[in-house]
């Protein structure tokens, strides 16, 4: 996979993760609604805010950013939800899995950017990896422990 296609995968996966978190923000219910609504809101806002920079990195490589949702769909590796998750626990699990897939895409991007001597892009990928690792521990820390 070439550098540009890896970056397209990153953009697509970030967009799917953003939408997943936003849909959980919209649809969460229960006694902890306010806290969970805010939590999912913070995740989706941060991830959404990072999509533009990724698209600009693609433009800096003299490539066009995705022009349609179908194009994004064709580059994603994250499974979309087709129904509302039954529980908040499932929302956390699915969001954790999406975040792990974003990290995987970013790791591929970092490796490819270094190999292509694209230092700015490698720096971007490294920063985003750190941010998504923070998302990972926040999501993991919010998940109920086994037996709770």
N, C-alpha and C. Protein backbone atom coordinates (compact mmCIF):
# COMPACT_ATOMS: atom_id res chain seq x y z
N UNK A 1 0.86 -1.17 0.00
CA UNK A 1 0.00 0.00 0.00
C UNK A 1 0.90 1.24 0.00
N UNK A 2 0.61 2.20 -0.87
CA UNK A 2 1.45 3.39 -0.94
C UNK A 2 1.05 4.41 0.15
N UNK A 3 1.90 5.38 0.33
CA UNK A 3 1.73 6.39 1.38
C UNK A 3 0.38 7.09 1.27
N UNK A 4 0.00 7.46 0.05
CA UNK A 4 -1.26 8.18 -0.15
C UNK A 4 -2.47 7.32 0.23
N UNK A 5 -2.43 6.04 -0.11
CA UNK A 5 -3.55 5.16 0.24
C UNK A 5 -3.61 4.91 1.75
N UNK A 6 -2.47 4.84 2.38
CA UNK A 6 -2.46 4.69 3.84
C UNK A 6 -3.07 5.93 4.48
N UNK A 7 -2.74 7.09 3.97
CA UNK A 7 -3.31 8.33 4.52
C UNK A 7 -4.81 8.38 4.26
N UNK A 8 -5.26 7.90 3.12
CA UNK A 8 -6.71 7.82 2.86
C UNK A 8 -7.39 6.88 3.87
N UNK A 9 -6.71 5.78 4.19
CA UNK A 9 -7.25 4.85 5.19
C UNK A 9 -7.35 5.54 6.55
N UNK A 10 -6.32 6.31 6.91
CA UNK A 10 -6.35 7.05 8.17
C UNK A 10 -7.54 8.00 8.20
N UNK A 11 -7.72 8.76 7.13
CA UNK A 11 -8.83 9.71 7.06
C UNK A 11 -10.17 8.98 7.20
N UNK A 12 -10.33 7.90 6.45
CA UNK A 12 -11.59 7.15 6.49
C UNK A 12 -11.84 6.57 7.88
N UNK A 13 -10.82 5.99 8.48
CA UNK A 13 -10.99 5.39 9.81
C UNK A 13 -11.29 6.45 10.86
N UNK A 14 -10.63 7.59 10.78
CA UNK A 14 -10.91 8.66 11.73
C UNK A 14 -12.36 9.13 11.57
N UNK A 15 -12.81 9.23 10.32
CA UNK A 15 -14.17 9.70 10.08
C UNK A 15 -15.20 8.71 10.62
N UNK A 16 -14.96 7.42 10.41
CA UNK A 16 -15.88 6.40 10.93
C UNK A 16 -15.86 6.41 12.46
N UNK A 17 -14.67 6.53 13.06
CA UNK A 17 -14.60 6.58 14.52
C UNK A 17 -15.33 7.81 15.05
N UNK A 18 -15.10 8.96 14.39
CA UNK A 18 -15.80 10.18 14.79
C UNK A 18 -17.31 9.94 14.78
N UNK A 19 -17.83 9.39 13.68
CA UNK A 19 -19.28 9.22 13.57
C UNK A 19 -19.80 8.22 14.59
N UNK A 20 -19.02 7.18 14.85
CA UNK A 20 -19.40 6.18 15.85
C UNK A 20 -19.55 6.86 17.22
N UNK A 21 -18.55 7.66 17.60
CA UNK A 21 -18.61 8.36 18.89
C UNK A 21 -19.76 9.36 18.92
N UNK A 22 -20.00 10.05 17.79
CA UNK A 22 -21.10 11.01 17.76
C UNK A 22 -22.44 10.29 17.89
N UNK A 23 -22.60 9.16 17.23
CA UNK A 23 -23.87 8.43 17.34
C UNK A 23 -24.09 7.95 18.77
N UNK A 24 -23.02 7.57 19.47
CA UNK A 24 -23.17 7.16 20.87
C UNK A 24 -23.53 8.38 21.72
N UNK A 25 -22.94 9.52 21.42
CA UNK A 25 -23.27 10.77 22.10
C UNK A 25 -24.76 11.07 21.95
N UNK A 26 -25.29 10.89 20.75
CA UNK A 26 -26.71 11.15 20.50
C UNK A 26 -27.62 10.14 21.17
N UNK A 27 -27.20 8.87 21.25
CA UNK A 27 -28.11 7.78 21.60
C UNK A 27 -27.89 7.15 22.95
N UNK A 28 -26.91 7.61 23.72
CA UNK A 28 -26.68 7.00 25.03
C UNK A 28 -27.87 7.29 25.95
N UNK A 29 -28.17 6.34 26.81
CA UNK A 29 -29.27 6.48 27.76
C UNK A 29 -28.84 5.91 29.11
N UNK A 30 -29.59 6.25 30.13
CA UNK A 30 -29.37 5.64 31.43
C UNK A 30 -29.06 6.65 32.50
N UNK A 31 -28.80 6.10 33.66
CA UNK A 31 -28.60 6.93 34.85
C UNK A 31 -27.39 7.86 34.74
N UNK A 32 -26.40 7.45 33.97
CA UNK A 32 -25.19 8.26 33.80
C UNK A 32 -25.19 9.00 32.47
N UNK A 33 -26.40 9.26 31.94
CA UNK A 33 -26.53 9.90 30.63
C UNK A 33 -25.64 11.13 30.47
N UNK A 34 -25.75 12.07 31.38
CA UNK A 34 -25.04 13.34 31.22
C UNK A 34 -23.53 13.14 31.13
N UNK A 35 -23.00 12.33 32.02
CA UNK A 35 -21.56 12.05 32.04
C UNK A 35 -21.12 11.34 30.75
N UNK A 36 -21.88 10.35 30.31
CA UNK A 36 -21.53 9.60 29.10
C UNK A 36 -21.73 10.44 27.85
N UNK A 37 -22.79 11.24 27.82
CA UNK A 37 -23.05 12.14 26.71
C UNK A 37 -21.85 13.08 26.52
N UNK A 38 -21.36 13.63 27.62
CA UNK A 38 -20.19 14.52 27.56
C UNK A 38 -18.93 13.76 27.14
N UNK A 39 -18.74 12.55 27.67
CA UNK A 39 -17.56 11.76 27.35
C UNK A 39 -17.50 11.47 25.85
N UNK A 40 -18.60 10.93 25.31
CA UNK A 40 -18.62 10.63 23.88
C UNK A 40 -18.49 11.92 23.05
N UNK A 41 -19.06 13.02 23.56
CA UNK A 41 -18.95 14.30 22.87
C UNK A 41 -17.52 14.79 22.77
N UNK A 42 -16.76 14.63 23.84
CA UNK A 42 -15.35 15.05 23.82
C UNK A 42 -14.55 14.21 22.83
N UNK A 43 -14.81 12.91 22.80
CA UNK A 43 -14.09 12.03 21.86
C UNK A 43 -14.42 12.42 20.42
N UNK A 44 -15.72 12.53 20.10
CA UNK A 44 -16.06 12.80 18.70
C UNK A 44 -15.56 14.17 18.26
N UNK A 45 -15.60 15.16 19.13
CA UNK A 45 -15.14 16.50 18.75
C UNK A 45 -13.64 16.50 18.48
N UNK A 46 -12.88 15.81 19.31
CA UNK A 46 -11.43 15.78 19.12
C UNK A 46 -11.07 15.04 17.84
N UNK A 47 -11.67 13.88 17.62
CA UNK A 47 -11.35 13.09 16.42
C UNK A 47 -11.80 13.84 15.16
N UNK A 48 -13.00 14.41 15.18
CA UNK A 48 -13.48 15.16 14.03
C UNK A 48 -12.54 16.32 13.70
N UNK A 49 -12.06 17.00 14.74
CA UNK A 49 -11.15 18.12 14.54
C UNK A 49 -9.84 17.72 13.89
N UNK A 50 -9.48 16.46 13.99
CA UNK A 50 -8.20 16.00 13.42
C UNK A 50 -8.32 15.53 11.97
N UNK A 51 -9.53 15.34 11.49
CA UNK A 51 -9.72 14.85 10.12
C UNK A 51 -9.22 15.87 9.11
N UNK A 52 -9.49 17.14 9.34
CA UNK A 52 -9.09 18.19 8.40
C UNK A 52 -7.58 18.21 8.21
N UNK A 53 -6.83 18.09 9.27
CA UNK A 53 -5.37 18.09 9.17
C UNK A 53 -4.88 16.90 8.35
N UNK A 54 -5.51 15.75 8.54
CA UNK A 54 -5.13 14.57 7.75
C UNK A 54 -5.39 14.80 6.27
N UNK A 55 -6.52 15.40 5.95
CA UNK A 55 -6.84 15.70 4.55
C UNK A 55 -5.85 16.71 3.98
N UNK A 56 -5.45 17.68 4.78
CA UNK A 56 -4.46 18.66 4.32
C UNK A 56 -3.10 18.01 4.09
N UNK A 57 -2.77 17.01 4.90
CA UNK A 57 -1.52 16.27 4.68
C UNK A 57 -1.57 15.54 3.34
N UNK A 58 -2.72 15.02 2.98
CA UNK A 58 -2.88 14.36 1.69
C UNK A 58 -2.72 15.37 0.55
N UNK A 59 -3.30 16.55 0.71
CA UNK A 59 -3.15 17.60 -0.30
C UNK A 59 -1.69 18.03 -0.43
N UNK A 60 -0.96 18.03 0.68
CA UNK A 60 0.47 18.39 0.64
C UNK A 60 1.27 17.37 -0.17
N UNK A 61 0.74 16.16 -0.31
CA UNK A 61 1.38 15.13 -1.14
C UNK A 61 0.90 15.22 -2.59
N UNK A 62 0.20 16.32 -2.91
CA UNK A 62 -0.32 16.59 -4.25
C UNK A 62 -1.38 15.57 -4.68
N UNK A 63 -2.16 15.13 -3.69
CA UNK A 63 -3.27 14.20 -3.92
C UNK A 63 -4.56 14.88 -3.47
N UNK A 64 -5.67 14.43 -3.99
CA UNK A 64 -6.96 14.97 -3.58
C UNK A 64 -7.51 14.20 -2.39
N UNK A 65 -8.14 14.94 -1.51
CA UNK A 65 -8.81 14.33 -0.37
C UNK A 65 -10.10 13.67 -0.86
N UNK A 66 -10.63 12.72 -0.09
CA UNK A 66 -11.88 12.06 -0.49
C UNK A 66 -12.98 13.08 -0.78
N UNK A 67 -13.75 12.80 -1.81
CA UNK A 67 -14.78 13.73 -2.26
C UNK A 67 -16.19 13.23 -1.93
N UNK A 68 -16.30 11.97 -1.51
CA UNK A 68 -17.63 11.43 -1.22
C UNK A 68 -17.55 10.47 -0.03
N UNK A 69 -18.71 10.23 0.56
CA UNK A 69 -18.77 9.25 1.64
C UNK A 69 -18.44 7.85 1.13
N UNK A 70 -18.82 7.56 -0.11
CA UNK A 70 -18.51 6.24 -0.69
C UNK A 70 -16.99 6.07 -0.81
N UNK A 71 -16.29 7.12 -1.20
CA UNK A 71 -14.83 7.03 -1.28
C UNK A 71 -14.24 6.76 0.10
N UNK A 72 -14.74 7.47 1.12
CA UNK A 72 -14.29 7.19 2.49
C UNK A 72 -14.58 5.74 2.85
N UNK A 73 -15.79 5.30 2.55
CA UNK A 73 -16.20 3.94 2.86
C UNK A 73 -15.26 2.91 2.24
N UNK A 74 -14.82 3.18 1.03
CA UNK A 74 -13.95 2.24 0.34
C UNK A 74 -12.55 2.13 0.95
N UNK A 75 -12.16 3.09 1.76
CA UNK A 75 -10.83 3.09 2.37
C UNK A 75 -10.84 2.70 3.84
N UNK A 76 -12.00 2.60 4.46
CA UNK A 76 -12.08 2.32 5.90
C UNK A 76 -11.76 0.86 6.19
N UNK A 77 -11.23 0.62 7.39
CA UNK A 77 -11.04 -0.75 7.86
C UNK A 77 -11.84 -1.00 9.14
N UNK A 78 -12.55 0.00 9.61
CA UNK A 78 -13.38 -0.11 10.80
C UNK A 78 -14.77 -0.57 10.39
N UNK A 79 -15.33 -1.50 11.15
CA UNK A 79 -16.69 -1.95 10.90
C UNK A 79 -17.66 -0.92 11.47
N UNK A 80 -18.61 -0.53 10.64
CA UNK A 80 -19.63 0.41 11.09
C UNK A 80 -20.71 -0.32 11.87
N UNK A 81 -21.36 0.39 12.77
CA UNK A 81 -22.52 -0.15 13.46
C UNK A 81 -23.70 -0.09 12.49
N UNK A 82 -24.50 -1.12 12.48
CA UNK A 82 -25.70 -1.11 11.65
C UNK A 82 -26.96 -0.96 12.50
N UNK A 83 -26.81 -1.19 13.80
CA UNK A 83 -27.89 -0.97 14.76
C UNK A 83 -27.27 -0.34 16.00
N UNK A 84 -28.12 0.30 16.80
CA UNK A 84 -27.65 0.90 18.05
C UNK A 84 -27.17 -0.21 18.99
N UNK A 85 -25.96 -0.07 19.53
CA UNK A 85 -25.49 -1.07 20.50
C UNK A 85 -26.49 -1.19 21.65
N UNK A 86 -26.69 -2.40 22.12
CA UNK A 86 -27.71 -2.66 23.13
C UNK A 86 -27.37 -2.06 24.50
N UNK A 87 -26.08 -1.96 24.80
CA UNK A 87 -25.69 -1.46 26.12
C UNK A 87 -24.57 -0.43 25.99
N UNK A 88 -24.38 0.33 27.03
CA UNK A 88 -23.27 1.27 27.09
C UNK A 88 -21.95 0.51 27.04
N UNK A 89 -21.91 -0.66 27.70
CA UNK A 89 -20.70 -1.49 27.66
C UNK A 89 -20.31 -1.81 26.22
N UNK A 90 -21.31 -2.13 25.39
CA UNK A 90 -21.04 -2.42 23.98
C UNK A 90 -20.55 -1.18 23.25
N UNK A 91 -21.09 -0.01 23.59
CA UNK A 91 -20.62 1.23 22.98
C UNK A 91 -19.13 1.42 23.27
N UNK A 92 -18.76 1.23 24.52
CA UNK A 92 -17.34 1.38 24.89
C UNK A 92 -16.47 0.36 24.17
N UNK A 93 -16.91 -0.88 24.11
CA UNK A 93 -16.14 -1.92 23.44
C UNK A 93 -15.96 -1.60 21.95
N UNK A 94 -17.03 -1.23 21.28
CA UNK A 94 -16.96 -0.92 19.85
C UNK A 94 -16.11 0.33 19.58
N UNK A 95 -16.20 1.31 20.47
CA UNK A 95 -15.38 2.51 20.31
C UNK A 95 -13.91 2.18 20.56
N UNK A 96 -13.63 1.32 21.53
CA UNK A 96 -12.25 0.90 21.79
C UNK A 96 -11.67 0.16 20.59
N UNK A 97 -12.47 -0.68 19.96
CA UNK A 97 -12.02 -1.42 18.78
C UNK A 97 -11.76 -0.46 17.61
N UNK A 98 -12.63 0.51 17.43
CA UNK A 98 -12.43 1.50 16.36
C UNK A 98 -11.16 2.30 16.62
N UNK A 99 -10.95 2.70 17.85
CA UNK A 99 -9.76 3.47 18.19
C UNK A 99 -8.49 2.65 17.94
N UNK A 100 -8.53 1.37 18.29
CA UNK A 100 -7.37 0.50 18.03
C UNK A 100 -7.08 0.41 16.54
N UNK A 101 -8.11 0.39 15.72
CA UNK A 101 -7.93 0.34 14.27
C UNK A 101 -7.34 1.65 13.74
N UNK A 102 -7.76 2.77 14.33
CA UNK A 102 -7.16 4.06 13.95
C UNK A 102 -5.67 4.06 14.31
N UNK A 103 -5.34 3.57 15.49
CA UNK A 103 -3.93 3.50 15.89
C UNK A 103 -3.14 2.63 14.92
N UNK A 104 -3.71 1.51 14.52
CA UNK A 104 -3.04 0.64 13.56
C UNK A 104 -2.78 1.37 12.24
N UNK A 105 -3.77 2.09 11.75
CA UNK A 105 -3.60 2.87 10.50
C UNK A 105 -2.52 3.93 10.68
N UNK A 106 -2.54 4.60 11.82
CA UNK A 106 -1.54 5.64 12.08
C UNK A 106 -0.13 5.06 12.19
N UNK A 107 0.00 3.87 12.76
CA UNK A 107 1.31 3.22 12.82
C UNK A 107 1.83 2.90 11.42
N UNK A 108 0.93 2.42 10.54
CA UNK A 108 1.32 2.17 9.15
C UNK A 108 1.76 3.48 8.49
N UNK A 109 1.01 4.55 8.76
CA UNK A 109 1.34 5.85 8.18
C UNK A 109 2.70 6.33 8.67
N UNK A 110 2.95 6.19 9.96
CA UNK A 110 4.24 6.61 10.51
C UNK A 110 5.40 5.88 9.83
N UNK A 111 5.28 4.56 9.73
CA UNK A 111 6.33 3.75 9.11
C UNK A 111 6.55 4.15 7.65
N UNK A 112 5.46 4.31 6.90
CA UNK A 112 5.56 4.68 5.48
C UNK A 112 6.11 6.09 5.31
N UNK A 113 5.71 7.01 6.17
CA UNK A 113 6.20 8.40 6.08
C UNK A 113 7.68 8.46 6.37
N UNK A 114 8.15 7.74 7.37
CA UNK A 114 9.59 7.69 7.65
C UNK A 114 10.35 7.11 6.47
N UNK A 115 9.84 6.04 5.89
CA UNK A 115 10.51 5.40 4.75
C UNK A 115 10.58 6.33 3.55
N UNK A 116 9.56 7.19 3.39
CA UNK A 116 9.52 8.14 2.27
C UNK A 116 10.22 9.46 2.60
N UNK A 117 10.82 9.54 3.77
CA UNK A 117 11.49 10.75 4.23
C UNK A 117 10.54 11.94 4.29
N UNK A 118 9.30 11.68 4.65
CA UNK A 118 8.28 12.71 4.84
C UNK A 118 8.20 13.00 6.35
N UNK A 119 9.16 13.77 6.84
CA UNK A 119 9.30 13.99 8.28
C UNK A 119 8.10 14.67 8.92
N UNK A 120 7.52 15.65 8.23
CA UNK A 120 6.35 16.34 8.78
C UNK A 120 5.17 15.40 8.93
N UNK A 121 4.96 14.54 7.95
CA UNK A 121 3.88 13.57 8.00
C UNK A 121 4.13 12.54 9.10
N UNK A 122 5.39 12.12 9.25
CA UNK A 122 5.74 11.19 10.34
C UNK A 122 5.47 11.84 11.69
N UNK A 123 5.80 13.12 11.82
CA UNK A 123 5.55 13.85 13.06
C UNK A 123 4.05 13.93 13.34
N UNK A 124 3.27 14.24 12.29
CA UNK A 124 1.81 14.27 12.43
C UNK A 124 1.30 12.92 12.94
N UNK A 125 1.74 11.83 12.29
CA UNK A 125 1.29 10.49 12.67
C UNK A 125 1.66 10.18 14.12
N UNK A 126 2.88 10.53 14.51
CA UNK A 126 3.33 10.25 15.88
C UNK A 126 2.47 10.99 16.90
N UNK A 127 2.16 12.24 16.62
CA UNK A 127 1.31 13.02 17.53
C UNK A 127 -0.08 12.43 17.65
N UNK A 128 -0.62 11.99 16.52
CA UNK A 128 -1.97 11.41 16.53
C UNK A 128 -1.97 10.05 17.24
N UNK A 129 -0.90 9.29 17.09
CA UNK A 129 -0.80 8.02 17.80
C UNK A 129 -0.88 8.28 19.30
N UNK A 130 -0.13 9.26 19.78
CA UNK A 130 -0.17 9.60 21.21
C UNK A 130 -1.57 9.99 21.64
N UNK A 131 -2.25 10.81 20.83
CA UNK A 131 -3.61 11.24 21.18
C UNK A 131 -4.56 10.05 21.24
N UNK A 132 -4.46 9.15 20.27
CA UNK A 132 -5.36 7.99 20.27
C UNK A 132 -5.01 7.00 21.37
N UNK A 133 -3.76 6.95 21.79
CA UNK A 133 -3.41 6.12 22.95
C UNK A 133 -4.08 6.69 24.20
N UNK A 134 -4.17 8.02 24.29
CA UNK A 134 -4.88 8.65 25.41
C UNK A 134 -6.36 8.30 25.34
N UNK A 135 -6.93 8.37 24.13
CA UNK A 135 -8.33 7.96 23.99
C UNK A 135 -8.50 6.51 24.46
N UNK A 136 -7.54 5.65 24.11
CA UNK A 136 -7.63 4.23 24.47
C UNK A 136 -7.70 4.05 25.98
N UNK A 137 -6.82 4.72 26.72
CA UNK A 137 -6.87 4.49 28.16
C UNK A 137 -8.09 5.14 28.79
N UNK A 138 -8.57 6.25 28.22
CA UNK A 138 -9.79 6.87 28.74
C UNK A 138 -11.00 5.96 28.50
N UNK A 139 -11.09 5.38 27.33
CA UNK A 139 -12.19 4.47 27.02
C UNK A 139 -12.08 3.23 27.90
N UNK A 140 -10.89 2.65 27.97
CA UNK A 140 -10.65 1.45 28.79
C UNK A 140 -10.98 1.73 30.25
N UNK A 141 -10.59 2.89 30.77
CA UNK A 141 -10.83 3.23 32.17
C UNK A 141 -12.31 3.47 32.46
N UNK A 142 -13.07 3.77 31.42
CA UNK A 142 -14.51 4.02 31.58
C UNK A 142 -15.34 2.74 31.48
N UNK A 143 -14.72 1.68 31.00
CA UNK A 143 -15.43 0.41 30.82
C UNK A 143 -15.59 -0.29 32.18
N UNK A 144 -16.72 -0.94 32.40
CA UNK A 144 -16.89 -1.68 33.65
C UNK A 144 -15.87 -2.82 33.73
N UNK A 145 -15.42 -3.08 34.91
CA UNK A 145 -14.50 -4.20 35.14
C UNK A 145 -15.30 -5.49 35.20
N UNK A 146 -14.66 -6.60 34.85
CA UNK A 146 -15.32 -7.90 34.88
C UNK A 146 -15.80 -8.15 36.30
N UNK A 147 -17.07 -8.55 36.43
CA UNK A 147 -17.64 -8.85 37.73
C UNK A 147 -18.34 -7.67 38.38
N UNK A 148 -18.29 -6.48 37.75
CA UNK A 148 -18.97 -5.33 38.34
C UNK A 148 -20.44 -5.36 38.07
